[in-house]
């Protein structure tokens, strides 16, 4: 994901991306790169390990989470430049960022370990130990998602950030929405017996995403919620390119995205598939 920085003869916009990310937020940058590289052995495992869990290759879920959390960490590193000066140097920030890194790594270890054992990670409460781990991972998930809220509030309160004001607003709102939408949707899904609302008969799924084409699927709203931090700024960039990047437009984009996410959540709760005409 890219951002249009304010124009200057030289400066941040002209720096190579990776060194800039390392300078701005080395912890999240390294984490994002490590998670991205970890996809290589996971894809290899997927190719040679044919075991299935609920009719899906056991390594599909680790691959999805590695990709999603790698993108999350790298986006945080990208947005770190928009934080108030000196924020990343504070002891409290460094401690919090290390906690977020730990939580992300713990989530990946949990999901990958379950795949290696040929079982499920989410919704697995078959034993008291697994139930305890599942609850603990839920706490870790909320903690790591809270980084988007911290970033969003800080960016919204920093009017001197080196981007167009409307884009700064879009980044801040996207980050806040990631937390505000993900926590209730994911929390409800974690308390349910599974991500389906209804009983699939044929197992028909949407390509790539794997969402049900027959019944309600809570993963649709969860996906939209977690990616608000990317989609809202990208839509704002498109609006800016069309010359329609007014503040009211950014608020409309954020509100529309929130409504769409909540609508898919309500649709899933009603037992309806995301794209019913494909069912």
C-alpha atoms as a PDB file:
ATOM      1  CA  UNK A   1       0.000   0.000   0.000  1.00  0.00           C
ATOM      2  CA  UNK A   2       1.374   3.473  -0.838  1.00  0.00           C
ATOM      3  CA  UNK A   3       0.702   7.009   0.353  1.00  0.00           C
ATOM      4  CA  UNK A   4       1.180  10.318  -1.443  1.00  0.00           C
ATOM      5  CA  UNK A   5       3.469  12.430   0.713  1.00  0.00           C
ATOM      6  CA  UNK A   6       3.686  16.186   0.475  1.00  0.00           C
ATOM      7  CA  UNK A   7       5.964  17.262  -2.357  1.00  0.00           C
ATOM      8  CA  UNK A   8       9.471  18.402  -1.552  1.00  0.00           C
ATOM      9  CA  UNK A   9      12.739  18.558  -3.502  1.00  0.00           C
ATOM     10  CA  UNK A  10      14.139  15.831  -1.286  1.00  0.00           C
ATOM     11  CA  UNK A  11      13.057  14.021   1.804  1.00  0.00           C
ATOM     12  CA  UNK A  12      10.945  11.110   2.959  1.00  0.00           C
ATOM     13  CA  UNK A  13       9.097  10.580  -0.313  1.00  0.00           C
ATOM     14  CA  UNK A  14      12.396   9.953  -2.126  1.00  0.00           C
ATOM     15  CA  UNK A  15      13.796   7.456   0.347  1.00  0.00           C
ATOM     16  CA  UNK A  16      13.794   3.750  -0.594  1.00  0.00           C
ATOM     17  CA  UNK A  17      10.775   2.163   1.033  1.00  0.00           C
ATOM     18  CA  UNK A  18      12.409  -0.590   3.100  1.00  0.00           C
ATOM     19  CA  UNK A  19      15.071   1.614   4.759  1.00  0.00           C
ATOM     20  CA  UNK A  20      12.362   4.175   5.509  1.00  0.00           C
ATOM     21  CA  UNK A  21      10.147   1.557   7.146  1.00  0.00           C
ATOM     22  CA  UNK A  22      13.087   0.244   9.146  1.00  0.00           C
ATOM     23  CA  UNK A  23      13.893   3.752  10.336  1.00  0.00           C
ATOM     24  CA  UNK A  24      10.306   4.568  11.242  1.00  0.00           C
ATOM     25  CA  UNK A  25       9.249   1.279  12.876  1.00  0.00           C
ATOM     26  CA  UNK A  26      11.860  -1.509  12.804  1.00  0.00           C
ATOM     27  CA  UNK A  27       9.885  -3.937  14.982  1.00  0.00           C
ATOM     28  CA  UNK A  28       6.771  -4.062  12.796  1.00  0.00           C
ATOM     29  CA  UNK A  29       8.836  -3.951   9.602  1.00  0.00           C
ATOM     30  CA  UNK A  30      10.941  -6.957  10.557  1.00  0.00           C
ATOM     31  CA  UNK A  31       7.883  -8.799  11.810  1.00  0.00           C
ATOM     32  CA  UNK A  32       6.032  -8.185   8.550  1.00  0.00           C
ATOM     33  CA  UNK A  33       8.985  -9.395   6.492  1.00  0.00           C
ATOM     34  CA  UNK A  34       9.483 -12.524   8.621  1.00  0.00           C
ATOM     35  CA  UNK A  35       5.790 -13.413   8.371  1.00  0.00           C
ATOM     36  CA  UNK A  36       5.860 -12.871   4.618  1.00  0.00           C
ATOM     37  CA  UNK A  37       8.907 -15.103   4.198  1.00  0.00           C
ATOM     38  CA  UNK A  38       7.276 -17.750   6.392  1.00  0.00           C
ATOM     39  CA  UNK A  39       4.704 -18.184   3.644  1.00  0.00           C
ATOM     40  CA  UNK A  40       7.353 -20.009   1.583  1.00  0.00           C
ATOM     41  CA  UNK A  41       7.642 -23.099   3.827  1.00  0.00           C
ATOM     42  CA  UNK A  42       3.899 -23.025   4.490  1.00  0.00           C
ATOM     43  CA  UNK A  43       3.136 -23.140   0.761  1.00  0.00           C
ATOM     44  CA  UNK A  44       5.663 -25.966   0.447  1.00  0.00           C
ATOM     45  CA  UNK A  45       3.923 -27.841   3.254  1.00  0.00           C
ATOM     46  CA  UNK A  46       0.597 -27.267   1.540  1.00  0.00           C
ATOM     47  CA  UNK A  47       1.984 -28.814  -1.648  1.00  0.00           C
ATOM     48  CA  UNK A  48       3.343 -31.980  -0.017  1.00  0.00           C
ATOM     49  CA  UNK A  49       0.941 -32.446   2.906  1.00  0.00           C
ATOM     50  CA  UNK A  50      -2.490 -33.537   1.735  1.00  0.00           C
ATOM     51  CA  UNK A  51      -4.151 -33.729   5.133  1.00  0.00           C
ATOM     52  CA  UNK A  52      -7.538 -32.049   5.389  1.00  0.00           C
ATOM     53  CA  UNK A  53      -9.385 -30.475   8.283  1.00  0.00           C
ATOM     54  CA  UNK A  54     -13.077 -29.867   7.605  1.00  0.00           C
ATOM     55  CA  UNK A  55     -12.424 -30.560   3.908  1.00  0.00           C
ATOM     56  CA  UNK A  56      -9.690 -27.883   3.640  1.00  0.00           C
ATOM     57  CA  UNK A  57      -5.932 -28.425   3.551  1.00  0.00           C
ATOM     58  CA  UNK A  58      -4.581 -27.964   7.075  1.00  0.00           C
ATOM     59  CA  UNK A  59      -2.053 -25.365   5.901  1.00  0.00           C
ATOM     60  CA  UNK A  60      -4.560 -23.006   4.288  1.00  0.00           C
ATOM     61  CA  UNK A  61      -5.422 -21.229   7.544  1.00  0.00           C
ATOM     62  CA  UNK A  62      -1.754 -20.595   8.532  1.00  0.00           C
ATOM     63  CA  UNK A  63      -1.142 -19.201   5.035  1.00  0.00           C
ATOM     64  CA  UNK A  64      -4.106 -16.827   5.296  1.00  0.00           C
ATOM     65  CA  UNK A  65      -3.092 -15.586   8.723  1.00  0.00           C
ATOM     66  CA  UNK A  66       0.551 -15.154   7.742  1.00  0.00           C
ATOM     67  CA  UNK A  67      -0.459 -13.036   4.749  1.00  0.00           C
ATOM     68  CA  UNK A  68      -2.973 -10.982   6.712  1.00  0.00           C
ATOM     69  CA  UNK A  69      -0.743 -10.338   9.725  1.00  0.00           C
ATOM     70  CA  UNK A  70       2.270  -9.588   7.518  1.00  0.00           C
ATOM     71  CA  UNK A  71       0.212  -6.937   5.743  1.00  0.00           C
ATOM     72  CA  UNK A  72      -1.030  -5.627   9.090  1.00  0.00           C
ATOM     73  CA  UNK A  73       2.467  -5.248  10.528  1.00  0.00           C
ATOM     74  CA  UNK A  74       3.876  -3.639   7.381  1.00  0.00           C
ATOM     75  CA  UNK A  75       0.957  -1.207   7.223  1.00  0.00           C
ATOM     76  CA  UNK A  76       1.604  -0.162  10.801  1.00  0.00           C
ATOM     77  CA  UNK A  77       5.249   0.412   9.882  1.00  0.00           C
ATOM     78  CA  UNK A  78       4.146   2.455   6.868  1.00  0.00           C
ATOM     79  CA  UNK A  79       1.787   4.591   8.913  1.00  0.00           C
ATOM     80  CA  UNK A  80       4.348   5.138  11.689  1.00  0.00           C
ATOM     81  CA  UNK A  81       5.650   8.204   9.823  1.00  0.00           C
ATOM     82  CA  UNK A  82       2.298   9.884  10.393  1.00  0.00           C
ATOM     83  CA  UNK A  83       2.531   9.544  14.172  1.00  0.00           C
ATOM     84  CA  UNK A  84       3.402  12.580  16.311  1.00  0.00           C
ATOM     85  CA  UNK A  85       7.168  13.253  16.479  1.00  0.00           C
ATOM     86  CA  UNK A  86       8.894  11.263  19.202  1.00  0.00           C
ATOM     87  CA  UNK A  87       5.997   8.883  19.840  1.00  0.00           C
ATOM     88  CA  UNK A  88       7.854   5.765  18.686  1.00  0.00           C
ATOM     89  CA  UNK A  89      10.806   6.676  20.910  1.00  0.00           C
ATOM     90  CA  UNK A  90       8.757   6.645  24.096  1.00  0.00           C
ATOM     91  CA  UNK A  91       9.341   3.772  26.487  1.00  0.00           C
ATOM     92  CA  UNK A  92       5.605   3.112  26.763  1.00  0.00           C
ATOM     93  CA  UNK A  93       5.275   2.867  22.978  1.00  0.00           C
ATOM     94  CA  UNK A  94       8.258   0.514  22.669  1.00  0.00           C
ATOM     95  CA  UNK A  95       6.843  -1.732  25.398  1.00  0.00           C
ATOM     96  CA  UNK A  96       3.429  -1.795  23.746  1.00  0.00           C
ATOM     97  CA  UNK A  97       4.862  -2.528  20.305  1.00  0.00           C
ATOM     98  CA  UNK A  98       6.830  -5.483  21.681  1.00  0.00           C
ATOM     99  CA  UNK A  99       3.650  -6.807  23.292  1.00  0.00           C
ATOM    100  CA  UNK A 100       1.898  -6.554  19.902  1.00  0.00           C
ATOM    101  CA  UNK A 101       4.787  -8.404  18.225  1.00  0.00           C
ATOM    102  CA  UNK A 102       4.613 -11.144  20.858  1.00  0.00           C
ATOM    103  CA  UNK A 103       0.840 -11.516  20.447  1.00  0.00           C
ATOM    104  CA  UNK A 104       1.134 -11.819  16.674  1.00  0.00           C
ATOM    105  CA  UNK A 105       3.870 -14.436  16.929  1.00  0.00           C
ATOM    106  CA  UNK A 106       1.869 -16.360  19.534  1.00  0.00           C
ATOM    107  CA  UNK A 107      -1.183 -16.378  17.225  1.00  0.00           C
ATOM    108  CA  UNK A 108       0.911 -17.699  14.340  1.00  0.00           C
ATOM    109  CA  UNK A 109       2.524 -20.366  16.536  1.00  0.00           C
ATOM    110  CA  UNK A 110      -0.901 -21.481  17.758  1.00  0.00           C
ATOM    111  CA  UNK A 111      -2.427 -21.665  14.276  1.00  0.00           C
ATOM    112  CA  UNK A 112       0.661 -23.283  12.748  1.00  0.00           C
ATOM    113  CA  UNK A 113       0.958 -25.784  15.588  1.00  0.00           C
ATOM    114  CA  UNK A 114      -2.649 -26.832  15.155  1.00  0.00           C
ATOM    115  CA  UNK A 115      -2.068 -27.311  11.419  1.00  0.00           C
ATOM    116  CA  UNK A 116       1.023 -29.430  12.067  1.00  0.00           C
ATOM    117  CA  UNK A 117      -1.079 -31.628  14.364  1.00  0.00           C
ATOM    118  CA  UNK A 118      -3.825 -31.898  11.767  1.00  0.00           C
ATOM    119  CA  UNK A 119      -6.443 -30.212  13.917  1.00  0.00           C
ATOM    120  CA  UNK A 120      -8.220 -26.881  14.164  1.00  0.00           C
ATOM    121  CA  UNK A 121      -7.109 -23.837  16.090  1.00  0.00           C
ATOM    122  CA  UNK A 122     -10.262 -21.721  16.125  1.00  0.00           C
ATOM    123  CA  UNK A 123     -13.400 -23.078  17.805  1.00  0.00           C
ATOM    124  CA  UNK A 124     -11.322 -25.930  19.235  1.00  0.00           C
ATOM    125  CA  UNK A 125     -12.503 -26.382  22.826  1.00  0.00           C
ATOM    126  CA  UNK A 126     -12.354 -30.167  22.849  1.00  0.00           C
ATOM    127  CA  UNK A 127     -10.291 -30.254  26.055  1.00  0.00           C
ATOM    128  CA  UNK A 128      -9.917 -27.843  28.994  1.00  0.00           C
ATOM    129  CA  UNK A 129      -6.373 -27.044  27.834  1.00  0.00           C
ATOM    130  CA  UNK A 130      -7.502 -26.172  24.297  1.00  0.00           C
ATOM    131  CA  UNK A 131     -10.364 -24.091  25.695  1.00  0.00           C
ATOM    132  CA  UNK A 132      -7.908 -22.143  27.856  1.00  0.00           C
ATOM    133  CA  UNK A 133      -5.563 -21.578  24.916  1.00  0.00           C
ATOM    134  CA  UNK A 134      -8.472 -20.455  22.736  1.00  0.00           C
ATOM    135  CA  UNK A 135      -9.522 -17.857  25.331  1.00  0.00           C
ATOM    136  CA  UNK A 136      -5.934 -16.669  25.724  1.00  0.00           C
ATOM    137  CA  UNK A 137      -5.535 -16.307  21.964  1.00  0.00           C
ATOM    138  CA  UNK A 138      -8.704 -14.221  21.912  1.00  0.00           C
ATOM    139  CA  UNK A 139      -7.111 -11.842  24.406  1.00  0.00           C
ATOM    140  CA  UNK A 140      -3.958 -11.719  22.274  1.00  0.00           C
ATOM    141  CA  UNK A 141      -6.057 -10.971  19.172  1.00  0.00           C
ATOM    142  CA  UNK A 142      -7.726  -7.999  20.855  1.00  0.00           C
ATOM    143  CA  UNK A 143      -4.342  -6.745  22.053  1.00  0.00           C
ATOM    144  CA  UNK A 144      -2.687  -6.878  18.652  1.00  0.00           C
ATOM    145  CA  UNK A 145      -5.710  -5.266  17.004  1.00  0.00           C
ATOM    146  CA  UNK A 146      -5.534  -2.452  19.564  1.00  0.00           C
ATOM    147  CA  UNK A 147      -2.370  -1.240  17.815  1.00  0.00           C
ATOM    148  CA  UNK A 148      -4.585   0.019  14.982  1.00  0.00           C
ATOM    149  CA  UNK A 149      -6.668   2.008  17.474  1.00  0.00           C
ATOM    150  CA  UNK A 150      -3.584   3.525  19.099  1.00  0.00           C
ATOM    151  CA  UNK A 151      -2.189   4.493  15.704  1.00  0.00           C
ATOM    152  CA  UNK A 152      -5.504   5.805  14.440  1.00  0.00           C
ATOM    153  CA  UNK A 153      -6.152   8.094  17.383  1.00  0.00           C
ATOM    154  CA  UNK A 154      -2.566   9.384  17.369  1.00  0.00           C
ATOM    155  CA  UNK A 155      -2.676  10.146  13.628  1.00  0.00           C
ATOM    156  CA  UNK A 156      -6.052  11.861  13.857  1.00  0.00           C
ATOM    157  CA  UNK A 157      -4.660  14.070  16.630  1.00  0.00           C
ATOM    158  CA  UNK A 158      -1.546  14.981  14.628  1.00  0.00           C
ATOM    159  CA  UNK A 159      -2.547  17.645  12.074  1.00  0.00           C
ATOM    160  CA  UNK A 160       1.069  18.203  10.980  1.00  0.00           C
ATOM    161  CA  UNK A 161       1.457  14.679   9.553  1.00  0.00           C
ATOM    162  CA  UNK A 162       3.337  14.785   6.188  1.00  0.00           C
ATOM    163  CA  UNK A 163       0.366  13.902   3.978  1.00  0.00           C
ATOM    164  CA  UNK A 164      -2.651  15.692   2.611  1.00  0.00           C
ATOM    165  CA  UNK A 165      -5.136  16.399   5.438  1.00  0.00           C
ATOM    166  CA  UNK A 166      -7.866  14.337   3.785  1.00  0.00           C
ATOM    167  CA  UNK A 167      -5.538  11.356   3.431  1.00  0.00           C
ATOM    168  CA  UNK A 168      -4.418  11.688   7.042  1.00  0.00           C
ATOM    169  CA  UNK A 169      -8.088  11.630   8.026  1.00  0.00           C
ATOM    170  CA  UNK A 170      -8.695   8.543   5.878  1.00  0.00           C
ATOM    171  CA  UNK A 171      -5.717   6.685   7.378  1.00  0.00           C
ATOM    172  CA  UNK A 172      -6.783   7.581  10.909  1.00  0.00           C
ATOM    173  CA  UNK A 173     -10.409   6.586  10.355  1.00  0.00           C
ATOM    174  CA  UNK A 174      -9.414   3.353   8.626  1.00  0.00           C
ATOM    175  CA  UNK A 175      -7.219   2.370  11.539  1.00  0.00           C
ATOM    176  CA  UNK A 176      -9.879   3.189  14.112  1.00  0.00           C
ATOM    177  CA  UNK A 177     -12.495   1.275  12.126  1.00  0.00           C
ATOM    178  CA  UNK A 178     -10.227  -1.755  11.978  1.00  0.00           C
ATOM    179  CA  UNK A 179     -10.386  -1.973  15.747  1.00  0.00           C
ATOM    180  CA  UNK A 180     -13.966  -0.789  16.221  1.00  0.00           C
ATOM    181  CA  UNK A 181     -15.390  -3.241  13.680  1.00  0.00           C
ATOM    182  CA  UNK A 182     -13.084  -6.215  14.217  1.00  0.00           C
ATOM    183  CA  UNK A 183     -13.453  -6.589  17.965  1.00  0.00           C
ATOM    184  CA  UNK A 184     -17.258  -7.046  18.104  1.00  0.00           C
ATOM    185  CA  UNK A 185     -17.430  -9.140  14.920  1.00  0.00           C
ATOM    186  CA  UNK A 186     -14.511 -11.375  15.897  1.00  0.00           C
ATOM    187  CA  UNK A 187     -15.725 -11.535  19.486  1.00  0.00           C
ATOM    188  CA  UNK A 188     -19.130 -12.790  18.419  1.00  0.00           C
ATOM    189  CA  UNK A 189     -17.605 -15.261  16.001  1.00  0.00           C
ATOM    190  CA  UNK A 190     -15.255 -16.611  18.677  1.00  0.00           C
ATOM    191  CA  UNK A 191     -18.194 -17.240  21.009  1.00  0.00           C
ATOM    192  CA  UNK A 192     -20.109 -19.137  18.312  1.00  0.00           C
ATOM    193  CA  UNK A 193     -19.613 -22.840  17.594  1.00  0.00           C
ATOM    194  CA  UNK A 194     -18.227 -21.974  14.150  1.00  0.00           C
ATOM    195  CA  UNK A 195     -18.129 -19.345  11.444  1.00  0.00           C
ATOM    196  CA  UNK A 196     -21.163 -20.738   9.566  1.00  0.00           C
ATOM    197  CA  UNK A 197     -24.716 -19.719  10.451  1.00  0.00           C
ATOM    198  CA  UNK A 198     -26.697 -22.620   9.084  1.00  0.00           C
ATOM    199  CA  UNK A 199     -25.788 -26.065   7.859  1.00  0.00           C
ATOM    200  CA  UNK A 200     -24.126 -26.248   4.413  1.00  0.00           C
ATOM    201  CA  UNK A 201     -25.437 -29.087   2.274  1.00  0.00           C
ATOM    202  CA  UNK A 202     -22.983 -29.206  -0.615  1.00  0.00           C
ATOM    203  CA  UNK A 203     -19.998 -27.295   0.758  1.00  0.00           C
ATOM    204  CA  UNK A 204     -20.060 -24.786  -2.124  1.00  0.00           C
ATOM    205  CA  UNK A 205     -17.526 -22.001  -1.488  1.00  0.00           C
ATOM    206  CA  UNK A 206     -16.473 -18.788  -3.171  1.00  0.00           C
ATOM    207  CA  UNK A 207     -13.145 -19.235  -4.996  1.00  0.00           C
ATOM    208  CA  UNK A 208      -9.960 -18.117  -3.178  1.00  0.00           C
ATOM    209  CA  UNK A 209     -11.769 -16.559  -0.218  1.00  0.00           C
ATOM    210  CA  UNK A 210     -13.512 -19.791   0.727  1.00  0.00           C
ATOM    211  CA  UNK A 211     -16.723 -18.160   2.002  1.00  0.00           C
ATOM    212  CA  UNK A 212     -19.881 -20.219   1.955  1.00  0.00           C
ATOM    213  CA  UNK A 213     -22.204 -19.833  -1.024  1.00  0.00           C
ATOM    214  CA  UNK A 214     -25.047 -21.553   0.843  1.00  0.00           C
ATOM    215  CA  UNK A 215     -25.332 -20.189   4.377  1.00  0.00           C
ATOM    216  CA  UNK A 216     -24.306 -17.216   6.466  1.00  0.00           C
ATOM    217  CA  UNK A 217     -20.550 -16.868   6.896  1.00  0.00           C
ATOM    218  CA  UNK A 218     -19.253 -14.602   9.671  1.00  0.00           C
ATOM    219  CA  UNK A 219     -15.824 -14.460   8.036  1.00  0.00           C
ATOM    220  CA  UNK A 220     -17.083 -11.979   5.440  1.00  0.00           C
ATOM    221  CA  UNK A 221     -17.659  -9.223   7.999  1.00  0.00           C
ATOM    222  CA  UNK A 222     -14.464 -10.187   9.819  1.00  0.00           C
ATOM    223  CA  UNK A 223     -12.464  -9.835   6.598  1.00  0.00           C
ATOM    224  CA  UNK A 224     -13.954  -6.429   5.794  1.00  0.00           C
ATOM    225  CA  UNK A 225     -13.430  -5.220   9.360  1.00  0.00           C
ATOM    226  CA  UNK A 226      -9.762  -6.185   9.560  1.00  0.00           C
ATOM    227  CA  UNK A 227      -8.960  -4.597   6.202  1.00  0.00           C
ATOM    228  CA  UNK A 228     -10.576  -1.210   6.855  1.00  0.00           C
ATOM    229  CA  UNK A 229      -7.099   0.207   7.474  1.00  0.00           C
ATOM    230  CA  UNK A 230      -6.161  -0.556   3.866  1.00  0.00           C
ATOM    231  CA  UNK A 231      -9.437  -0.053   2.004  1.00  0.00           C
ATOM    232  CA  UNK A 232     -10.515   3.294   3.460  1.00  0.00           C
ATOM    233  CA  UNK A 233      -7.197   5.066   2.634  1.00  0.00           C
ATOM    234  CA  UNK A 234      -7.136   3.466  -0.833  1.00  0.00           C
ATOM    235  CA  UNK A 235     -10.648   4.721  -1.554  1.00  0.00           C
ATOM    236  CA  UNK A 236      -9.623   8.155  -0.305  1.00  0.00           C
ATOM    237  CA  UNK A 237      -6.612   8.105  -2.641  1.00  0.00           C
ATOM    238  CA  UNK A 238      -8.950   7.299  -5.517  1.00  0.00           C
ATOM    239  CA  UNK A 239     -11.207  10.174  -4.500  1.00  0.00           C
ATOM    240  CA  UNK A 240      -8.202  12.505  -4.367  1.00  0.00           C
ATOM    241  CA  UNK A 241      -7.140  11.398  -7.850  1.00  0.00           C
ATOM    242  CA  UNK A 242     -10.617  12.261  -9.105  1.00  0.00           C
ATOM    243  CA  UNK A 243     -10.479  15.633  -7.436  1.00  0.00           C
ATOM    244  CA  UNK A 244     -13.152  14.702  -4.914  1.00  0.00           C
ATOM    245  CA  UNK A 245     -11.063  14.316  -1.795  1.00  0.00           C
ATOM    246  CA  UNK A 246     -12.926  16.741   0.437  1.00  0.00           C
ATOM    247  CA  UNK A 247     -13.161  15.992   4.129  1.00  0.00           C
ATOM    248  CA  UNK A 248     -16.853  15.208   3.863  1.00  0.00           C
ATOM    249  CA  UNK A 249     -16.042  12.656   1.167  1.00  0.00           C
ATOM    250  CA  UNK A 250     -13.595  10.848   3.434  1.00  0.00           C
ATOM    251  CA  UNK A 251     -16.165  10.710   6.212  1.00  0.00           C
ATOM    252  CA  UNK A 252     -18.690   9.336   3.715  1.00  0.00           C
ATOM    253  CA  UNK A 253     -16.232   6.655   2.586  1.00  0.00           C
ATOM    254  CA  UNK A 254     -15.529   5.600   6.168  1.00  0.00           C
ATOM    255  CA  UNK A 255     -19.217   5.586   7.096  1.00  0.00           C
ATOM    256  CA  UNK A 256     -20.150   3.655   3.965  1.00  0.00           C
ATOM    257  CA  UNK A 257     -17.486   1.062   4.629  1.00  0.00           C
ATOM    258  CA  UNK A 258     -18.672   0.624   8.214  1.00  0.00           C
ATOM    259  CA  UNK A 259     -22.263   0.204   7.026  1.00  0.00           C
ATOM    260  CA  UNK A 260     -21.181  -2.376   4.434  1.00  0.00           C
ATOM    261  CA  UNK A 261     -19.274  -4.365   7.059  1.00  0.00           C
ATOM    262  CA  UNK A 262     -22.167  -4.320   9.509  1.00  0.00           C
ATOM    263  CA  UNK A 263     -24.599  -5.220   6.730  1.00  0.00           C
ATOM    264  CA  UNK A 264     -22.587  -8.337   5.858  1.00  0.00           C
ATOM    265  CA  UNK A 265     -22.499  -9.201   9.553  1.00  0.00           C
ATOM    266  CA  UNK A 266     -26.299  -8.908   9.789  1.00  0.00           C
ATOM    267  CA  UNK A 267     -26.637 -10.909   6.571  1.00  0.00           C
ATOM    268  CA  UNK A 268     -24.520 -13.719   8.002  1.00  0.00           C
ATOM    269  CA  UNK A 269     -26.468 -13.734  11.270  1.00  0.00           C
ATOM    270  CA  UNK A 270     -29.624 -14.156   9.192  1.00  0.00           C
ATOM    271  CA  UNK A 271     -28.097 -17.273   7.643  1.00  0.00           C
ATOM    272  CA  UNK A 272     -27.775 -15.720   4.194  1.00  0.00           C
ATOM    273  CA  UNK A 273     -24.641 -16.149   2.024  1.00  0.00           C
ATOM    274  CA  UNK A 274     -22.668 -13.056   1.033  1.00  0.00           C
ATOM    275  CA  UNK A 275     -23.452 -13.440  -2.666  1.00  0.00           C
ATOM    276  CA  UNK A 276     -26.690 -15.427  -2.684  1.00  0.00           C
ATOM    277  CA  UNK A 277     -27.035 -15.407  -6.477  1.00  0.00           C
ATOM    278  CA  UNK A 278     -23.924 -17.566  -6.675  1.00  0.00           C
ATOM    279  CA  UNK A 279     -25.440 -20.205  -4.431  1.00  0.00           C
END
